[in-house]
N, C-alpha and C. Protein backbone atom coordinates (compact mmCIF):
# COMPACT_ATOMS: atom_id res chain seq x y z
N MET A 1 -15.52 -25.59 25.24
CA MET A 1 -15.21 -24.20 25.54
C MET A 1 -13.80 -23.82 25.07
N ALA A 2 -12.83 -24.72 25.24
CA ALA A 2 -11.46 -24.43 24.81
C ALA A 2 -11.38 -24.29 23.30
N ASN A 3 -12.15 -25.10 22.59
CA ASN A 3 -12.17 -25.02 21.13
C ASN A 3 -12.72 -23.66 20.67
N ARG A 4 -13.73 -23.19 21.35
CA ARG A 4 -14.32 -21.88 21.01
C ARG A 4 -13.32 -20.75 21.26
N ASP A 5 -12.55 -20.87 22.35
CA ASP A 5 -11.52 -19.87 22.64
C ASP A 5 -10.45 -19.86 21.55
N ARG A 6 -10.06 -21.05 21.08
CA ARG A 6 -9.07 -21.13 20.00
C ARG A 6 -9.60 -20.50 18.72
N ILE A 7 -10.85 -20.73 18.42
CA ILE A 7 -11.45 -20.16 17.21
C ILE A 7 -11.51 -18.64 17.33
N ASN A 8 -11.89 -18.14 18.51
CA ASN A 8 -11.93 -16.68 18.71
C ASN A 8 -10.53 -16.08 18.59
N ARG A 9 -9.53 -16.76 19.14
CA ARG A 9 -8.15 -16.28 19.05
C ARG A 9 -7.68 -16.28 17.60
N LEU A 10 -8.03 -17.32 16.85
CA LEU A 10 -7.69 -17.39 15.43
C LEU A 10 -8.36 -16.25 14.66
N ARG A 11 -9.62 -16.02 14.93
CA ARG A 11 -10.36 -14.94 14.28
C ARG A 11 -9.72 -13.59 14.57
N GLN A 12 -9.37 -13.34 15.82
CA GLN A 12 -8.76 -12.07 16.20
C GLN A 12 -7.38 -11.91 15.55
N THR A 13 -6.63 -13.00 15.46
CA THR A 13 -5.31 -12.95 14.82
C THR A 13 -5.44 -12.63 13.34
N ILE A 14 -6.37 -13.28 12.67
CA ILE A 14 -6.58 -13.01 11.24
C ILE A 14 -7.01 -11.57 11.02
N ILE A 15 -7.91 -11.07 11.84
CA ILE A 15 -8.35 -9.68 11.72
C ILE A 15 -7.19 -8.73 11.94
N ALA A 16 -6.37 -8.99 12.95
CA ALA A 16 -5.22 -8.12 13.23
C ALA A 16 -4.23 -8.12 12.07
N LEU A 17 -3.93 -9.30 11.53
CA LEU A 17 -2.99 -9.38 10.41
C LEU A 17 -3.52 -8.67 9.17
N LEU A 18 -4.80 -8.84 8.88
CA LEU A 18 -5.38 -8.15 7.72
C LEU A 18 -5.38 -6.63 7.93
N ALA A 19 -5.70 -6.19 9.14
CA ALA A 19 -5.71 -4.75 9.43
C ALA A 19 -4.30 -4.16 9.29
N VAL A 20 -3.30 -4.88 9.79
CA VAL A 20 -1.92 -4.41 9.65
C VAL A 20 -1.52 -4.35 8.18
N ALA A 21 -1.93 -5.35 7.40
CA ALA A 21 -1.62 -5.36 5.97
C ALA A 21 -2.24 -4.17 5.26
N VAL A 22 -3.48 -3.83 5.59
CA VAL A 22 -4.15 -2.68 4.98
C VAL A 22 -3.42 -1.39 5.35
N ILE A 23 -3.12 -1.22 6.62
CA ILE A 23 -2.45 0.00 7.08
C ILE A 23 -1.06 0.13 6.44
N ALA A 24 -0.31 -0.97 6.39
CA ALA A 24 1.03 -0.94 5.80
C ALA A 24 0.96 -0.63 4.30
N SER A 25 -0.01 -1.18 3.62
CA SER A 25 -0.16 -0.93 2.18
C SER A 25 -0.46 0.53 1.90
N ILE A 26 -1.37 1.09 2.65
CA ILE A 26 -1.72 2.50 2.48
C ILE A 26 -0.54 3.39 2.87
N ALA A 27 0.13 3.04 3.96
CA ALA A 27 1.28 3.84 4.41
C ALA A 27 2.39 3.85 3.37
N TRP A 28 2.61 2.72 2.70
CA TRP A 28 3.66 2.66 1.69
C TRP A 28 3.33 3.60 0.52
N GLY A 29 2.09 3.60 0.07
CA GLY A 29 1.70 4.51 -1.00
C GLY A 29 1.84 5.97 -0.60
N VAL A 30 1.43 6.29 0.62
CA VAL A 30 1.56 7.66 1.12
C VAL A 30 3.03 8.05 1.22
N TYR A 31 3.85 7.12 1.72
CA TYR A 31 5.28 7.39 1.83
C TYR A 31 5.90 7.69 0.46
N ILE A 32 5.55 6.91 -0.54
CA ILE A 32 6.08 7.14 -1.89
C ILE A 32 5.67 8.52 -2.38
N HIS A 33 4.41 8.88 -2.20
CA HIS A 33 3.94 10.21 -2.63
C HIS A 33 4.72 11.32 -1.94
N ILE A 34 4.82 11.25 -0.63
CA ILE A 34 5.49 12.32 0.12
C ILE A 34 6.98 12.34 -0.16
N SER A 35 7.60 11.17 -0.15
CA SER A 35 9.03 11.07 -0.36
C SER A 35 9.44 11.54 -1.75
N TYR A 36 8.77 11.04 -2.77
CA TYR A 36 9.10 11.44 -4.13
C TYR A 36 8.77 12.92 -4.36
N GLY A 37 7.65 13.36 -3.81
CA GLY A 37 7.25 14.75 -4.01
C GLY A 37 8.21 15.75 -3.39
N SER A 38 8.88 15.34 -2.32
CA SER A 38 9.78 16.28 -1.64
C SER A 38 11.24 16.15 -2.07
N SER A 39 11.62 15.02 -2.67
CA SER A 39 13.04 14.83 -2.94
C SER A 39 13.41 14.67 -4.42
N MET A 40 12.45 14.40 -5.27
CA MET A 40 12.77 14.17 -6.68
C MET A 40 12.72 15.48 -7.47
N PRO A 41 13.54 15.55 -8.53
CA PRO A 41 13.59 16.80 -9.32
C PRO A 41 12.31 17.02 -10.12
N ARG A 42 12.03 18.29 -10.37
CA ARG A 42 10.84 18.68 -11.13
C ARG A 42 11.11 18.76 -12.63
N VAL A 43 12.37 18.65 -13.00
CA VAL A 43 12.77 18.65 -14.41
C VAL A 43 13.61 17.40 -14.65
N PRO A 44 13.61 16.88 -15.87
CA PRO A 44 14.40 15.67 -16.14
C PRO A 44 15.89 15.91 -15.90
N GLU A 45 16.55 14.90 -15.36
CA GLU A 45 17.99 14.94 -15.15
C GLU A 45 18.61 13.72 -15.83
N PRO A 46 18.91 13.83 -17.12
CA PRO A 46 19.44 12.67 -17.86
C PRO A 46 20.74 12.11 -17.28
N ASP A 47 21.56 12.96 -16.69
CA ASP A 47 22.84 12.50 -16.13
C ASP A 47 22.64 11.50 -14.99
N SER A 48 21.61 11.71 -14.19
CA SER A 48 21.35 10.80 -13.07
C SER A 48 20.34 9.72 -13.43
N GLY A 49 19.81 9.76 -14.66
CA GLY A 49 18.85 8.75 -15.10
C GLY A 49 17.41 9.07 -14.71
N ARG A 50 17.18 10.22 -14.15
CA ARG A 50 15.82 10.59 -13.74
C ARG A 50 15.10 11.25 -14.91
N THR A 51 14.55 10.39 -15.77
CA THR A 51 13.88 10.86 -16.98
C THR A 51 12.45 10.38 -17.08
N TYR A 52 11.99 9.58 -16.13
CA TYR A 52 10.63 9.05 -16.16
C TYR A 52 9.71 9.97 -15.37
N ALA A 53 8.70 10.51 -16.04
CA ALA A 53 7.77 11.43 -15.38
C ALA A 53 6.79 10.64 -14.52
N LEU A 54 6.52 11.17 -13.34
CA LEU A 54 5.60 10.55 -12.39
C LEU A 54 4.83 11.67 -11.68
N VAL A 55 3.53 11.51 -11.56
CA VAL A 55 2.71 12.50 -10.89
C VAL A 55 2.45 12.03 -9.46
N VAL A 56 2.83 12.86 -8.49
CA VAL A 56 2.63 12.55 -7.07
C VAL A 56 1.99 13.76 -6.38
N ASN A 57 1.53 13.56 -5.18
CA ASN A 57 0.98 14.64 -4.36
C ASN A 57 -0.05 15.49 -5.09
N HIS A 58 -1.03 14.87 -5.65
CA HIS A 58 -2.17 15.55 -6.28
C HIS A 58 -1.76 16.48 -7.41
N GLY A 59 -0.82 16.03 -8.25
CA GLY A 59 -0.52 16.79 -9.45
C GLY A 59 0.91 17.27 -9.60
N THR A 60 1.77 17.04 -8.64
CA THR A 60 3.16 17.44 -8.77
C THR A 60 3.88 16.46 -9.67
N GLN A 61 4.46 16.95 -10.75
CA GLN A 61 5.19 16.07 -11.65
C GLN A 61 6.66 16.07 -11.28
N VAL A 62 7.18 14.87 -11.04
CA VAL A 62 8.59 14.70 -10.71
C VAL A 62 9.19 13.72 -11.71
N TYR A 63 10.50 13.66 -11.73
CA TYR A 63 11.20 12.75 -12.64
C TYR A 63 12.04 11.79 -11.81
N VAL A 64 11.90 10.51 -12.13
CA VAL A 64 12.54 9.44 -11.36
C VAL A 64 13.28 8.49 -12.30
N THR A 65 14.10 7.61 -11.71
CA THR A 65 14.78 6.59 -12.49
C THR A 65 13.77 5.48 -12.84
N HIS A 66 14.20 4.58 -13.70
CA HIS A 66 13.31 3.48 -14.09
C HIS A 66 12.96 2.62 -12.88
N GLN A 67 13.94 2.31 -12.04
CA GLN A 67 13.70 1.50 -10.84
C GLN A 67 12.73 2.19 -9.89
N GLU A 68 12.90 3.49 -9.67
CA GLU A 68 12.00 4.25 -8.80
C GLU A 68 10.59 4.29 -9.38
N PHE A 69 10.51 4.40 -10.71
CA PHE A 69 9.21 4.40 -11.37
C PHE A 69 8.50 3.06 -11.17
N LEU A 70 9.23 1.96 -11.34
CA LEU A 70 8.64 0.63 -11.14
C LEU A 70 8.18 0.43 -9.69
N ARG A 71 8.98 0.92 -8.74
CA ARG A 71 8.61 0.82 -7.33
C ARG A 71 7.33 1.60 -7.04
N ALA A 72 7.23 2.81 -7.56
CA ALA A 72 6.03 3.62 -7.35
C ALA A 72 4.83 2.99 -8.03
N ASN A 73 5.00 2.51 -9.23
CA ASN A 73 3.90 1.87 -9.96
C ASN A 73 3.38 0.65 -9.19
N PHE A 74 4.29 -0.14 -8.64
CA PHE A 74 3.91 -1.29 -7.84
C PHE A 74 3.12 -0.85 -6.59
N ALA A 75 3.63 0.17 -5.91
CA ALA A 75 2.96 0.65 -4.69
C ALA A 75 1.59 1.25 -4.98
N PHE A 76 1.45 1.93 -6.11
CA PHE A 76 0.20 2.61 -6.43
C PHE A 76 -0.85 1.68 -7.03
N HIS A 77 -0.44 0.55 -7.59
CA HIS A 77 -1.40 -0.31 -8.27
C HIS A 77 -1.55 -1.68 -7.61
N GLU A 78 -0.50 -2.50 -7.66
CA GLU A 78 -0.61 -3.85 -7.14
C GLU A 78 -0.85 -3.87 -5.63
N VAL A 79 -0.15 -3.03 -4.90
CA VAL A 79 -0.33 -3.00 -3.44
C VAL A 79 -1.71 -2.47 -3.08
N LEU A 80 -2.22 -1.55 -3.87
CA LEU A 80 -3.58 -1.04 -3.64
C LEU A 80 -4.61 -2.16 -3.83
N VAL A 81 -4.43 -2.97 -4.86
CA VAL A 81 -5.34 -4.10 -5.09
C VAL A 81 -5.25 -5.08 -3.92
N PHE A 82 -4.04 -5.33 -3.42
CA PHE A 82 -3.85 -6.19 -2.26
C PHE A 82 -4.59 -5.63 -1.03
N ALA A 83 -4.47 -4.32 -0.80
CA ALA A 83 -5.15 -3.69 0.33
C ALA A 83 -6.66 -3.82 0.19
N LEU A 84 -7.17 -3.62 -1.01
CA LEU A 84 -8.61 -3.76 -1.23
C LEU A 84 -9.06 -5.20 -0.98
N GLY A 85 -8.24 -6.17 -1.37
CA GLY A 85 -8.54 -7.57 -1.09
C GLY A 85 -8.58 -7.85 0.41
N CYS A 86 -7.67 -7.26 1.15
CA CYS A 86 -7.67 -7.41 2.62
C CYS A 86 -8.91 -6.78 3.23
N ILE A 87 -9.32 -5.64 2.73
CA ILE A 87 -10.53 -4.99 3.23
C ILE A 87 -11.74 -5.86 2.93
N PHE A 88 -11.78 -6.45 1.75
CA PHE A 88 -12.87 -7.35 1.39
C PHE A 88 -12.89 -8.57 2.32
N ALA A 89 -11.70 -9.12 2.61
CA ALA A 89 -11.62 -10.26 3.53
C ALA A 89 -12.09 -9.87 4.93
N LEU A 90 -11.75 -8.68 5.38
CA LEU A 90 -12.23 -8.21 6.68
C LEU A 90 -13.75 -8.10 6.69
N ALA A 91 -14.31 -7.62 5.60
CA ALA A 91 -15.77 -7.50 5.51
C ALA A 91 -16.43 -8.88 5.54
N LEU A 92 -15.83 -9.85 4.85
CA LEU A 92 -16.38 -11.21 4.87
C LEU A 92 -16.31 -11.81 6.26
N ILE A 93 -15.21 -11.57 6.94
CA ILE A 93 -15.10 -12.08 8.31
C ILE A 93 -16.18 -11.46 9.19
N LYS A 94 -16.39 -10.19 9.03
CA LYS A 94 -17.42 -9.50 9.82
C LYS A 94 -18.81 -10.06 9.51
N LEU A 95 -19.09 -10.32 8.25
CA LEU A 95 -20.40 -10.80 7.86
C LEU A 95 -20.65 -12.26 8.24
N TYR A 96 -19.67 -13.12 8.00
CA TYR A 96 -19.92 -14.56 8.11
C TYR A 96 -19.30 -15.23 9.32
N TRP A 97 -18.41 -14.54 10.01
CA TRP A 97 -17.74 -15.18 11.14
C TRP A 97 -17.95 -14.33 12.40
N ASN A 98 -19.08 -13.73 12.49
CA ASN A 98 -19.41 -12.87 13.62
C ASN A 98 -20.12 -13.68 14.69
N GLU A 99 -19.57 -13.65 15.88
CA GLU A 99 -20.19 -14.40 16.98
C GLU A 99 -20.79 -13.48 18.00
């Protein structure tokens, strides 16, 4: 019985960690969209280095620095793939580790 309780606790911990990872990944992408959409210039600013065009908030084009562009690209692509992997892992747990 104690072993079964440990397995259930492990399962619940894994599910909680994966769920937090999915929520954090999505929240980061949303934050980048809202933050960049509200604070970045709509025209290039070569003096500040904001010359990289980026589309946020369903079509708003803003200009960011190279570092900001790389951060947004990472959040929109690699982190999204990570979140999808976590969702897939949650689905596998539901399918194969359901008691």
